[in-house]
Amino acid sequence: MAAKSRLRPEPEIAAPKSLAALNRLIAAAPPMVKGGTRAVLGEGPLHPDIVFVGEQPGDQEDIAGKPFVGPAGRILDKAMQEAGIDRKKTYVTNAVKHFKFEQRGKKRIHSKPTAGEVKHYRWWLEQELDLLRPKLVVALGATAAMALAGKPMAVAKNRGPIILDGRPGFITIHPSFLLRMPEEDKAEAYKAFVADMKRIHRLVDRQKDAA
């Protein structure tokens, strides 16, 4: 699938022919965000039913070199399990491949990527999805939605099934949003997040039945 809005990180880089080749290019590319160290690559099987796209790796993901292994990842795992989604059969990745942060003493504090930074990384994400060919791509949060759609997408307004730049998609919150909520609001918000996961599961099942 070709998208006019894609930007190549370097004009001379050709589209890779395999996911392994793409990951080698991403790993070798210099960080495009402040504080970025090594790239955190996507993880999961080739041609999964579902690809979950987050914003960017966090501190623990950068240290481990794996996506969604921190507190937000544990919430995602729990919600998937409750919805009957096997994470091992899904693919998880991020719109921005490096951890953007500011150093404050010994702590590395997460910094939200700018629209320009998301745009710079978009070519990598599009190549990744072209090679994976999922039945459904899920945007976890507004940054992921913008990366997938190629334009700003408010989560509250667009939450649910949606076409994202020609791909069957679904927009929901990023699990880290739940971590930042007041304690009294978390249970209801988590329940809605699990309900989204159940809808995602049903959408994929319907695609399989229709095939």
N, C-alpha and C. Protein backbone atom coordinates (compact mmCIF):
# COMPACT_ATOMS: atom_id res chain seq x y z
N MET A 1 0.84 -1.18 0.00
CA MET A 1 0.00 0.00 0.00
C MET A 1 0.88 1.24 0.00
N ALA A 2 0.73 2.10 -0.96
CA ALA A 2 1.54 3.31 -1.03
C ALA A 2 0.78 4.47 -0.44
N ALA A 3 1.47 5.30 0.29
CA ALA A 3 0.84 6.47 0.89
C ALA A 3 1.65 7.70 0.52
N LYS A 4 0.99 8.68 -0.06
CA LYS A 4 1.68 9.87 -0.52
C LYS A 4 2.32 10.64 0.62
N SER A 5 1.79 10.49 1.83
CA SER A 5 2.27 11.28 2.96
C SER A 5 3.52 10.69 3.60
N ARG A 6 4.00 9.55 3.13
CA ARG A 6 5.17 8.94 3.73
C ARG A 6 6.42 9.76 3.43
N LEU A 7 7.32 9.82 4.39
CA LEU A 7 8.61 10.45 4.20
C LEU A 7 9.69 9.43 4.49
N ARG A 8 10.60 9.26 3.56
CA ARG A 8 11.72 8.36 3.82
C ARG A 8 12.70 9.06 4.76
N PRO A 9 13.26 8.33 5.74
CA PRO A 9 14.27 8.94 6.61
C PRO A 9 15.45 9.48 5.82
N GLU A 10 15.85 8.77 4.80
CA GLU A 10 16.89 9.22 3.88
C GLU A 10 16.41 8.89 2.47
N PRO A 11 16.53 9.81 1.52
CA PRO A 11 16.00 9.58 0.17
C PRO A 11 16.53 8.32 -0.50
N GLU A 12 17.78 7.93 -0.15
CA GLU A 12 18.38 6.79 -0.84
C GLU A 12 17.99 5.45 -0.24
N ILE A 13 17.25 5.44 0.88
CA ILE A 13 16.87 4.17 1.50
C ILE A 13 15.72 3.53 0.71
N ALA A 14 15.95 2.31 0.24
CA ALA A 14 14.91 1.59 -0.50
C ALA A 14 14.02 0.85 0.48
N ALA A 15 12.77 0.60 0.07
CA ALA A 15 11.84 -0.14 0.92
C ALA A 15 12.40 -1.55 1.16
N PRO A 16 12.52 -1.97 2.39
CA PRO A 16 13.06 -3.30 2.70
C PRO A 16 12.10 -4.40 2.25
N LYS A 17 12.66 -5.56 1.96
CA LYS A 17 11.87 -6.68 1.45
C LYS A 17 11.40 -7.63 2.55
N SER A 18 11.92 -7.48 3.75
CA SER A 18 11.53 -8.36 4.86
C SER A 18 11.53 -7.57 6.15
N LEU A 19 10.84 -8.12 7.16
CA LEU A 19 10.79 -7.47 8.47
C LEU A 19 12.18 -7.45 9.09
N ALA A 20 12.95 -8.51 8.90
CA ALA A 20 14.31 -8.56 9.44
C ALA A 20 15.17 -7.46 8.83
N ALA A 21 15.02 -7.24 7.53
CA ALA A 21 15.79 -6.18 6.86
C ALA A 21 15.36 -4.81 7.37
N LEU A 22 14.06 -4.62 7.56
CA LEU A 22 13.56 -3.36 8.10
C LEU A 22 14.13 -3.12 9.50
N ASN A 23 14.10 -4.13 10.35
CA ASN A 23 14.60 -3.97 11.71
C ASN A 23 16.08 -3.65 11.75
N ARG A 24 16.84 -4.18 10.80
CA ARG A 24 18.26 -3.84 10.73
C ARG A 24 18.44 -2.36 10.39
N LEU A 25 17.61 -1.86 9.49
CA LEU A 25 17.67 -0.43 9.12
C LEU A 25 17.29 0.46 10.30
N ILE A 26 16.22 0.07 11.00
CA ILE A 26 15.77 0.88 12.15
C ILE A 26 16.85 0.89 13.23
N ALA A 27 17.42 -0.27 13.50
CA ALA A 27 18.44 -0.38 14.55
C ALA A 27 19.68 0.44 14.22
N ALA A 28 19.99 0.55 12.93
CA ALA A 28 21.18 1.28 12.51
C ALA A 28 20.94 2.78 12.36
N ALA A 29 19.68 3.19 12.29
CA ALA A 29 19.36 4.60 12.08
C ALA A 29 19.62 5.42 13.34
N PRO A 30 20.12 6.64 13.21
CA PRO A 30 20.33 7.47 14.39
C PRO A 30 18.99 7.91 14.99
N PRO A 31 18.93 8.12 16.31
CA PRO A 31 17.68 8.58 16.93
C PRO A 31 17.24 9.91 16.33
N MET A 32 15.95 10.06 16.16
CA MET A 32 15.38 11.29 15.62
C MET A 32 14.73 12.13 16.72
N VAL A 33 14.91 11.71 17.97
CA VAL A 33 14.33 12.43 19.10
C VAL A 33 15.41 12.69 20.16
N LYS A 34 15.20 13.71 20.98
CA LYS A 34 16.14 14.08 22.03
C LYS A 34 16.24 12.97 23.08
N GLY A 35 17.47 12.57 23.37
CA GLY A 35 17.69 11.58 24.42
C GLY A 35 17.67 10.15 23.92
N GLY A 36 17.22 9.93 22.68
CA GLY A 36 17.11 8.57 22.17
C GLY A 36 18.44 7.84 22.19
N THR A 37 18.41 6.59 22.59
CA THR A 37 19.63 5.79 22.62
C THR A 37 19.54 4.70 21.55
N ARG A 38 19.02 3.55 21.89
CA ARG A 38 18.87 2.49 20.90
C ARG A 38 17.42 2.37 20.48
N ALA A 39 17.20 1.86 19.29
CA ALA A 39 15.84 1.63 18.82
C ALA A 39 15.22 0.45 19.55
N VAL A 40 13.96 0.56 19.87
CA VAL A 40 13.20 -0.56 20.42
C VAL A 40 12.29 -1.05 19.30
N LEU A 41 12.56 -2.24 18.83
CA LEU A 41 11.86 -2.79 17.67
C LEU A 41 10.52 -3.41 18.09
N GLY A 42 9.64 -3.57 17.11
CA GLY A 42 8.38 -4.25 17.34
C GLY A 42 8.62 -5.71 17.65
N GLU A 43 7.59 -6.35 18.21
CA GLU A 43 7.74 -7.75 18.65
C GLU A 43 6.46 -8.52 18.39
N GLY A 44 6.61 -9.71 17.85
CA GLY A 44 5.45 -10.55 17.60
C GLY A 44 5.61 -11.33 16.31
N PRO A 45 4.62 -12.15 15.97
CA PRO A 45 4.71 -12.99 14.78
C PRO A 45 4.50 -12.20 13.48
N LEU A 46 5.00 -12.74 12.40
CA LEU A 46 4.76 -12.18 11.08
C LEU A 46 3.31 -12.47 10.68
N HIS A 47 2.66 -11.50 10.05
CA HIS A 47 1.26 -11.60 9.62
C HIS A 47 0.30 -11.90 10.78
N PRO A 48 0.35 -11.11 11.84
CA PRO A 48 -0.57 -11.31 12.97
C PRO A 48 -1.97 -10.81 12.63
N ASP A 49 -2.95 -11.24 13.39
CA ASP A 49 -4.30 -10.70 13.21
C ASP A 49 -4.35 -9.23 13.62
N ILE A 50 -3.65 -8.89 14.72
CA ILE A 50 -3.72 -7.55 15.29
C ILE A 50 -2.32 -6.99 15.51
N VAL A 51 -2.14 -5.72 15.13
CA VAL A 51 -0.95 -4.97 15.50
C VAL A 51 -1.37 -3.84 16.43
N PHE A 52 -0.77 -3.79 17.61
CA PHE A 52 -0.99 -2.70 18.55
C PHE A 52 0.15 -1.70 18.41
N VAL A 53 -0.21 -0.44 18.20
CA VAL A 53 0.80 0.62 18.03
C VAL A 53 0.69 1.61 19.19
N GLY A 54 1.79 1.77 19.93
CA GLY A 54 1.83 2.75 21.00
C GLY A 54 2.54 4.01 20.57
N GLU A 55 2.85 4.86 21.54
CA GLU A 55 3.48 6.15 21.24
C GLU A 55 4.98 5.99 21.00
N GLN A 56 5.68 5.58 22.04
CA GLN A 56 7.13 5.41 21.98
C GLN A 56 7.55 4.51 23.14
N PRO A 57 8.76 3.94 23.07
CA PRO A 57 9.23 3.16 24.21
C PRO A 57 9.37 4.05 25.45
N GLY A 58 9.23 3.45 26.62
CA GLY A 58 9.48 4.15 27.86
C GLY A 58 10.84 3.77 28.42
N ASP A 59 11.11 4.18 29.65
CA ASP A 59 12.40 3.94 30.27
C ASP A 59 12.70 2.44 30.36
N GLN A 60 11.74 1.65 30.83
CA GLN A 60 11.99 0.22 31.00
C GLN A 60 12.11 -0.48 29.65
N GLU A 61 11.35 -0.01 28.65
CA GLU A 61 11.44 -0.60 27.31
C GLU A 61 12.81 -0.32 26.70
N ASP A 62 13.32 0.89 26.92
CA ASP A 62 14.63 1.26 26.39
C ASP A 62 15.73 0.41 27.03
N ILE A 63 15.62 0.17 28.32
CA ILE A 63 16.60 -0.65 29.02
C ILE A 63 16.54 -2.11 28.55
N ALA A 64 15.31 -2.64 28.43
CA ALA A 64 15.13 -4.05 28.05
C ALA A 64 15.28 -4.27 26.55
N GLY A 65 15.07 -3.22 25.76
CA GLY A 65 15.10 -3.37 24.30
C GLY A 65 13.88 -4.08 23.76
N LYS A 66 12.77 -4.06 24.52
CA LYS A 66 11.54 -4.74 24.12
C LYS A 66 10.36 -3.80 24.37
N PRO A 67 9.33 -3.85 23.51
CA PRO A 67 8.19 -2.95 23.68
C PRO A 67 7.20 -3.43 24.74
N PHE A 68 6.58 -2.48 25.42
CA PHE A 68 5.48 -2.74 26.37
C PHE A 68 5.84 -3.75 27.46
N VAL A 69 6.95 -3.50 28.13
CA VAL A 69 7.34 -4.36 29.25
C VAL A 69 7.26 -3.62 30.58
N GLY A 70 6.91 -2.32 30.55
CA GLY A 70 6.80 -1.53 31.77
C GLY A 70 5.39 -1.56 32.34
N PRO A 71 5.06 -0.62 33.22
CA PRO A 71 3.72 -0.59 33.84
C PRO A 71 2.58 -0.53 32.84
N ALA A 72 2.72 0.29 31.79
CA ALA A 72 1.66 0.37 30.78
C ALA A 72 1.51 -0.95 30.04
N GLY A 73 2.62 -1.61 29.78
CA GLY A 73 2.57 -2.91 29.12
C GLY A 73 1.87 -3.96 29.95
N ARG A 74 2.04 -3.88 31.25
CA ARG A 74 1.36 -4.85 32.13
C ARG A 74 -0.15 -4.63 32.13
N ILE A 75 -0.56 -3.36 32.05
CA ILE A 75 -1.99 -3.08 31.94
C ILE A 75 -2.53 -3.61 30.62
N LEU A 76 -1.78 -3.39 29.55
CA LEU A 76 -2.20 -3.89 28.24
C LEU A 76 -2.32 -5.41 28.25
N ASP A 77 -1.36 -6.09 28.83
CA ASP A 77 -1.39 -7.55 28.92
C ASP A 77 -2.64 -8.03 29.67
N LYS A 78 -2.93 -7.37 30.79
CA LYS A 78 -4.07 -7.76 31.62
C LYS A 78 -5.38 -7.56 30.86
N ALA A 79 -5.51 -6.42 30.18
CA ALA A 79 -6.73 -6.13 29.42
C ALA A 79 -6.91 -7.11 28.27
N MET A 80 -5.81 -7.43 27.59
CA MET A 80 -5.87 -8.42 26.50
C MET A 80 -6.36 -9.76 27.04
N GLN A 81 -5.78 -10.18 28.15
CA GLN A 81 -6.14 -11.47 28.73
C GLN A 81 -7.62 -11.52 29.08
N GLU A 82 -8.12 -10.46 29.69
CA GLU A 82 -9.53 -10.42 30.07
C GLU A 82 -10.45 -10.42 28.85
N ALA A 83 -9.93 -9.91 27.73
CA ALA A 83 -10.73 -9.86 26.50
C ALA A 83 -10.57 -11.11 25.64
N GLY A 84 -9.71 -12.03 26.07
CA GLY A 84 -9.51 -13.26 25.30
C GLY A 84 -8.53 -13.12 24.16
N ILE A 85 -7.68 -12.09 24.19
CA ILE A 85 -6.67 -11.88 23.16
C ILE A 85 -5.34 -12.43 23.65
N ASP A 86 -4.73 -13.30 22.86
CA ASP A 86 -3.44 -13.88 23.21
C ASP A 86 -2.34 -12.95 22.71
N ARG A 87 -1.63 -12.29 23.65
CA ARG A 87 -0.60 -11.34 23.23
C ARG A 87 0.47 -12.00 22.36
N LYS A 88 0.77 -13.25 22.61
CA LYS A 88 1.81 -13.92 21.83
C LYS A 88 1.44 -14.03 20.35
N LYS A 89 0.15 -13.90 20.06
CA LYS A 89 -0.30 -13.97 18.67
C LYS A 89 -0.52 -12.59 18.06
N THR A 90 -0.23 -11.55 18.83
CA THR A 90 -0.33 -10.18 18.33
C THR A 90 1.07 -9.60 18.14
N TYR A 91 1.12 -8.46 17.48
CA TYR A 91 2.39 -7.76 17.28
C TYR A 91 2.27 -6.41 17.96
N VAL A 92 3.27 -6.04 18.76
CA VAL A 92 3.25 -4.75 19.45
C VAL A 92 4.45 -3.92 19.01
N THR A 93 4.19 -2.64 18.75
CA THR A 93 5.25 -1.76 18.28
C THR A 93 4.91 -0.33 18.70
N ASN A 94 5.73 0.62 18.27
CA ASN A 94 5.50 2.02 18.60
C ASN A 94 5.63 2.91 17.38
N ALA A 95 4.94 4.03 17.42
CA ALA A 95 5.03 5.01 16.32
C ALA A 95 6.43 5.60 16.25
N VAL A 96 7.00 5.92 17.39
CA VAL A 96 8.36 6.44 17.50
C VAL A 96 9.23 5.33 18.08
N LYS A 97 10.34 5.05 17.44
CA LYS A 97 11.12 3.85 17.80
C LYS A 97 12.17 4.07 18.89
N HIS A 98 12.41 5.31 19.29
CA HIS A 98 13.37 5.60 20.34
C HIS A 98 12.67 6.29 21.52
N PHE A 99 13.24 6.15 22.69
CA PHE A 99 12.73 6.76 23.91
C PHE A 99 13.16 8.22 23.96
N LYS A 100 12.20 9.13 23.87
CA LYS A 100 12.49 10.55 24.00
C LYS A 100 12.37 10.94 25.47
N PHE A 101 13.45 11.50 26.01
CA PHE A 101 13.41 11.83 27.43
C PHE A 101 14.33 13.01 27.75
N GLU A 102 14.14 13.54 28.94
CA GLU A 102 15.03 14.55 29.50
C GLU A 102 15.62 14.00 30.79
N GLN A 103 16.90 14.22 30.96
CA GLN A 103 17.57 13.74 32.17
C GLN A 103 17.37 14.73 33.32
N ARG A 104 16.82 14.24 34.41
CA ARG A 104 16.64 15.06 35.61
C ARG A 104 17.26 14.30 36.78
N GLY A 105 18.48 14.69 37.11
CA GLY A 105 19.22 13.94 38.11
C GLY A 105 19.51 12.55 37.58
N LYS A 106 19.10 11.54 38.35
CA LYS A 106 19.31 10.16 37.90
C LYS A 106 18.14 9.61 37.10
N LYS A 107 17.06 10.40 37.02
CA LYS A 107 15.85 9.92 36.35
C LYS A 107 15.79 10.41 34.90
N ARG A 108 15.25 9.53 34.04
CA ARG A 108 15.00 9.90 32.65
C ARG A 108 13.49 10.12 32.52
N ILE A 109 13.10 11.35 32.28
CA ILE A 109 11.69 11.71 32.25
C ILE A 109 11.16 11.71 30.82
N HIS A 110 10.09 10.96 30.60
CA HIS A 110 9.44 10.85 29.30
C HIS A 110 9.07 12.22 28.74
N SER A 111 9.34 12.44 27.46
CA SER A 111 8.91 13.65 26.76
C SER A 111 8.05 13.23 25.57
N LYS A 112 6.92 13.87 25.42
CA LYS A 112 6.01 13.52 24.32
C LYS A 112 6.63 13.92 22.99
N PRO A 113 6.65 13.03 22.00
CA PRO A 113 7.19 13.40 20.69
C PRO A 113 6.34 14.45 20.00
N THR A 114 6.98 15.32 19.27
CA THR A 114 6.27 16.35 18.53
C THR A 114 5.65 15.76 17.26
N ALA A 115 4.74 16.52 16.65
CA ALA A 115 4.14 16.07 15.39
C ALA A 115 5.21 15.87 14.32
N GLY A 116 6.21 16.73 14.30
CA GLY A 116 7.29 16.60 13.33
C GLY A 116 8.11 15.34 13.54
N GLU A 117 8.35 14.99 14.80
CA GLU A 117 9.10 13.77 15.10
C GLU A 117 8.30 12.53 14.72
N VAL A 118 7.02 12.55 14.99
CA VAL A 118 6.15 11.44 14.59
C VAL A 118 6.16 11.28 13.07
N LYS A 119 6.13 12.40 12.37
CA LYS A 119 6.15 12.37 10.91
C LYS A 119 7.45 11.77 10.38
N HIS A 120 8.57 12.09 11.03
CA HIS A 120 9.87 11.54 10.62
C HIS A 120 9.90 10.03 10.76
N TYR A 121 9.27 9.51 11.79
CA TYR A 121 9.27 8.06 12.04
C TYR A 121 8.20 7.32 11.24
N ARG A 122 7.29 8.05 10.64
CA ARG A 122 6.12 7.41 10.02
C ARG A 122 6.50 6.44 8.90
N TRP A 123 7.53 6.74 8.15
CA TRP A 123 7.95 5.85 7.06
C TRP A 123 8.29 4.47 7.59
N TRP A 124 9.00 4.44 8.73
CA TRP A 124 9.37 3.15 9.32
C TRP A 124 8.11 2.36 9.72
N LEU A 125 7.17 3.04 10.34
CA LEU A 125 5.94 2.36 10.78
C LEU A 125 5.14 1.84 9.59
N GLU A 126 5.04 2.64 8.55
CA GLU A 126 4.29 2.21 7.36
C GLU A 126 4.94 0.99 6.71
N GLN A 127 6.27 0.99 6.64
CA GLN A 127 6.96 -0.18 6.09
C GLN A 127 6.70 -1.42 6.95
N GLU A 128 6.71 -1.21 8.24
CA GLU A 128 6.46 -2.32 9.18
C GLU A 128 5.07 -2.92 8.95
N LEU A 129 4.06 -2.07 8.82
CA LEU A 129 2.70 -2.56 8.62
C LEU A 129 2.52 -3.20 7.25
N ASP A 130 3.19 -2.66 6.24
CA ASP A 130 3.12 -3.27 4.90
C ASP A 130 3.65 -4.70 4.92
N LEU A 131 4.70 -4.92 5.70
CA LEU A 131 5.30 -6.25 5.77
C LEU A 131 4.49 -7.19 6.66
N LEU A 132 3.86 -6.66 7.69
CA LEU A 132 3.09 -7.48 8.62
C LEU A 132 1.72 -7.87 8.07
N ARG A 133 1.08 -6.95 7.36
CA ARG A 133 -0.25 -7.15 6.77
C ARG A 133 -1.28 -7.67 7.80
N PRO A 134 -1.49 -6.94 8.88
CA PRO A 134 -2.45 -7.39 9.89
C PRO A 134 -3.89 -7.23 9.42
N LYS A 135 -4.80 -7.95 10.06
CA LYS A 135 -6.22 -7.77 9.78
C LYS A 135 -6.73 -6.46 10.40
N LEU A 136 -6.13 -6.06 11.52
CA LEU A 136 -6.57 -4.85 12.22
C LEU A 136 -5.36 -4.20 12.88
N VAL A 137 -5.28 -2.87 12.77
CA VAL A 137 -4.22 -2.12 13.44
C VAL A 137 -4.86 -1.24 14.50
N VAL A 138 -4.36 -1.34 15.73
CA VAL A 138 -4.95 -0.63 16.87
C VAL A 138 -4.03 0.50 17.30
N ALA A 139 -4.57 1.72 17.30
CA ALA A 139 -3.83 2.88 17.77
C ALA A 139 -4.07 3.05 19.26
N LEU A 140 -3.03 2.95 20.04
CA LEU A 140 -3.11 3.16 21.47
C LEU A 140 -2.73 4.61 21.77
N GLY A 141 -3.73 5.48 21.81
CA GLY A 141 -3.48 6.88 22.11
C GLY A 141 -3.39 7.77 20.88
N ALA A 142 -3.38 9.07 21.14
CA ALA A 142 -3.45 10.07 20.07
C ALA A 142 -2.20 10.10 19.20
N THR A 143 -1.02 9.89 19.79
CA THR A 143 0.20 9.91 18.99
C THR A 143 0.21 8.78 17.98
N ALA A 144 -0.16 7.59 18.42
CA ALA A 144 -0.24 6.45 17.51
C ALA A 144 -1.30 6.68 16.43
N ALA A 145 -2.43 7.25 16.82
CA ALA A 145 -3.49 7.53 15.85
C ALA A 145 -3.02 8.51 14.80
N MET A 146 -2.28 9.55 15.22
CA MET A 146 -1.75 10.52 14.26
C MET A 146 -0.75 9.86 13.31
N ALA A 147 0.09 9.01 13.85
CA ALA A 147 1.08 8.33 13.01
C ALA A 147 0.41 7.44 11.98
N LEU A 148 -0.65 6.76 12.37
CA LEU A 148 -1.34 5.83 11.47
C LEU A 148 -2.22 6.55 10.46
N ALA A 149 -2.84 7.64 10.87
CA ALA A 149 -3.75 8.37 9.99
C ALA A 149 -3.03 9.41 9.14
N GLY A 150 -1.87 9.86 9.60
CA GLY A 150 -1.16 10.91 8.89
C GLY A 150 -1.68 12.30 9.21
N LYS A 151 -2.50 12.40 10.24
CA LYS A 151 -3.07 13.68 10.66
C LYS A 151 -3.53 13.55 12.11
N PRO A 152 -3.71 14.68 12.82
CA PRO A 152 -4.16 14.60 14.21
C PRO A 152 -5.52 13.92 14.33
N MET A 153 -5.64 13.05 15.33
CA MET A 153 -6.88 12.32 15.58
C MET A 153 -7.14 12.30 17.08
N ALA A 154 -8.19 13.00 17.52
CA ALA A 154 -8.52 13.00 18.94
C ALA A 154 -9.11 11.66 19.34
N VAL A 155 -8.62 11.09 20.43
CA VAL A 155 -9.08 9.77 20.86
C VAL A 155 -10.55 9.81 21.25
N ALA A 156 -10.95 10.78 22.05
CA ALA A 156 -12.33 10.84 22.54
C ALA A 156 -13.34 10.91 21.39
N LYS A 157 -13.00 11.64 20.35
CA LYS A 157 -13.92 11.83 19.22
C LYS A 157 -13.93 10.63 18.29
N ASN A 158 -12.80 9.94 18.17
CA ASN A 158 -12.66 8.88 17.16
C ASN A 158 -12.51 7.48 17.75
N ARG A 159 -12.73 7.34 19.03
CA ARG A 159 -12.53 6.05 19.69
C ARG A 159 -13.44 4.98 19.09
N GLY A 160 -12.86 3.85 18.73
CA GLY A 160 -13.63 2.78 18.13
C GLY A 160 -13.11 2.40 16.76
N PRO A 161 -13.87 1.60 16.01
CA PRO A 161 -13.44 1.17 14.67
C PRO A 161 -13.32 2.36 13.72
N ILE A 162 -12.29 2.37 12.90
CA ILE A 162 -12.05 3.48 11.99
C ILE A 162 -11.06 3.03 10.91
N ILE A 163 -11.15 3.63 9.75
CA ILE A 163 -10.16 3.36 8.70
C ILE A 163 -9.00 4.33 8.90
N LEU A 164 -7.79 3.79 9.00
CA LEU A 164 -6.60 4.60 9.23
C LEU A 164 -5.70 4.52 7.99
N ASP A 165 -5.77 5.55 7.17
CA ASP A 165 -4.98 5.62 5.94
C ASP A 165 -5.17 4.36 5.09
N GLY A 166 -6.43 3.94 4.95
CA GLY A 166 -6.76 2.80 4.11
C GLY A 166 -6.75 1.46 4.81
N ARG A 167 -6.31 1.43 6.05
CA ARG A 167 -6.25 0.16 6.79
C ARG A 167 -7.40 0.06 7.78
N PRO A 168 -7.99 -1.13 7.96
CA PRO A 168 -8.96 -1.32 9.03
C PRO A 168 -8.28 -1.08 10.37
N GLY A 169 -8.84 -0.17 11.16
CA GLY A 169 -8.20 0.20 12.40
C GLY A 169 -9.16 0.35 13.55
N PHE A 170 -8.59 0.67 14.69
CA PHE A 170 -9.37 0.90 15.92
C PHE A 170 -8.55 1.85 16.78
N ILE A 171 -9.20 2.87 17.32
CA ILE A 171 -8.53 3.83 18.19
C ILE A 171 -9.04 3.66 19.62
N THR A 172 -8.10 3.57 20.55
CA THR A 172 -8.44 3.53 21.97
C THR A 172 -7.38 4.30 22.74
N ILE A 173 -7.49 4.34 24.05
CA ILE A 173 -6.51 5.04 24.86
C ILE A 173 -5.20 4.27 24.94
N HIS A 174 -4.14 4.97 25.29
CA HIS A 174 -2.89 4.30 25.62
C HIS A 174 -3.01 3.85 27.08
N PRO A 175 -2.55 2.64 27.41
CA PRO A 175 -2.70 2.18 28.80
C PRO A 175 -2.01 3.08 29.82
N SER A 176 -1.00 3.84 29.41
CA SER A 176 -0.34 4.76 30.35
C SER A 176 -1.28 5.85 30.82
N PHE A 177 -2.32 6.13 30.02
CA PHE A 177 -3.33 7.12 30.42
C PHE A 177 -4.00 6.70 31.73
N LEU A 178 -4.21 5.40 31.89
CA LEU A 178 -4.83 4.89 33.12
C LEU A 178 -3.93 5.10 34.33
N LEU A 179 -2.62 5.04 34.11
CA LEU A 179 -1.68 5.23 35.21
C LEU A 179 -1.72 6.66 35.74
N ARG A 180 -2.08 7.60 34.89
CA ARG A 180 -2.07 9.02 35.27
C ARG A 180 -3.41 9.50 35.81
N MET A 181 -4.41 8.66 35.78
CA MET A 181 -5.76 9.07 36.19
C MET A 181 -5.89 9.13 37.71
N PRO A 182 -6.81 9.95 38.23
CA PRO A 182 -7.12 9.91 39.67
C PRO A 182 -7.59 8.51 40.04
N GLU A 183 -7.24 8.07 41.22
CA GLU A 183 -7.52 6.70 41.65
C GLU A 183 -9.00 6.35 41.55
N GLU A 184 -9.86 7.32 41.88
CA GLU A 184 -11.30 7.05 41.89
C GLU A 184 -11.89 6.84 40.49
N ASP A 185 -11.15 7.24 39.46
CA ASP A 185 -11.65 7.10 38.09
C ASP A 185 -11.08 5.89 37.35
N LYS A 186 -10.07 5.26 37.94
CA LYS A 186 -9.34 4.22 37.21
C LYS A 186 -10.18 2.99 36.89
N ALA A 187 -10.99 2.54 37.84
CA ALA A 187 -11.75 1.29 37.63
C ALA A 187 -12.68 1.41 36.44
N GLU A 188 -13.41 2.51 36.34
CA GLU A 188 -14.35 2.69 35.24
C GLU A 188 -13.62 2.83 33.90
N ALA A 189 -12.51 3.56 33.91
CA ALA A 189 -11.75 3.75 32.68
C ALA A 189 -11.11 2.43 32.22
N TYR A 190 -10.64 1.63 33.17
CA TYR A 190 -10.06 0.34 32.81
C TYR A 190 -11.14 -0.59 32.24
N LYS A 191 -12.33 -0.54 32.82
CA LYS A 191 -13.45 -1.35 32.32
C LYS A 191 -13.76 -0.99 30.87
N ALA A 192 -13.72 0.31 30.54
CA ALA A 192 -13.97 0.75 29.16
C ALA A 192 -12.85 0.29 28.23
N PHE A 193 -11.62 0.27 28.75
CA PHE A 193 -10.48 -0.19 27.96
C PHE A 193 -10.61 -1.67 27.64
N VAL A 194 -11.02 -2.46 28.61
CA VAL A 194 -11.24 -3.89 28.37
C VAL A 194 -12.38 -4.09 27.37
N ALA A 195 -13.42 -3.26 27.47
CA ALA A 195 -14.53 -3.34 26.51
C ALA A 195 -14.03 -3.08 25.09
N ASP A 196 -13.10 -2.13 24.94
CA ASP A 196 -12.49 -1.88 23.63
C ASP A 196 -11.75 -3.12 23.14
N MET A 197 -11.00 -3.77 24.03
CA MET A 197 -10.26 -4.97 23.65
C MET A 197 -11.21 -6.08 23.19
N LYS A 198 -12.34 -6.19 23.85
CA LYS A 198 -13.33 -7.19 23.45
C LYS A 198 -13.91 -6.87 22.07
N ARG A 199 -14.15 -5.60 21.80
CA ARG A 199 -14.63 -5.19 20.47
C ARG A 199 -13.59 -5.49 19.40
N ILE A 200 -12.32 -5.24 19.72
CA ILE A 200 -11.23 -5.53 18.80
C ILE A 200 -11.20 -7.02 18.47
N HIS A 201 -11.35 -7.85 19.51
CA HIS A 201 -11.37 -9.30 19.33
C HIS A 201 -12.52 -9.71 18.41
N ARG A 202 -13.70 -9.15 18.63
CA ARG A 202 -14.86 -9.49 17.81
C ARG A 202 -14.68 -9.05 16.36
N LEU A 203 -14.10 -7.87 16.16
CA LEU A 203 -13.88 -7.37 14.80
C LEU A 203 -12.98 -8.31 14.00
N VAL A 204 -11.93 -8.79 14.64
CA VAL A 204 -11.02 -9.71 13.97
C VAL A 204 -11.70 -11.05 13.69
N ASP A 205 -12.49 -11.53 14.64
CA ASP A 205 -13.23 -12.78 14.44
C ASP A 205 -14.18 -12.66 13.26
N ARG A 206 -14.84 -11.51 13.13
CA ARG A 206 -15.77 -11.31 12.01
C ARG A 206 -15.03 -11.31 10.68
N GLN A 207 -13.84 -10.72 10.66
CA GLN A 207 -13.03 -10.74 9.43
C GLN A 207 -12.68 -12.16 9.05
N LYS A 208 -12.35 -12.97 10.04
CA LYS A 208 -12.00 -14.36 9.77
C LYS A 208 -13.21 -15.12 9.22
N ASP A 209 -14.37 -14.87 9.81
CA ASP A 209 -15.60 -15.56 9.38
C ASP A 209 -15.98 -15.16 7.95
N ALA A 210 -15.68 -13.91 7.60
CA ALA A 210 -16.05 -13.40 6.27
C ALA A 210 -15.05 -13.85 5.19
N ALA A 211 -13.88 -14.27 5.62
CA ALA A 211 -12.84 -14.66 4.64
C ALA A 211 -13.17 -15.96 3.94
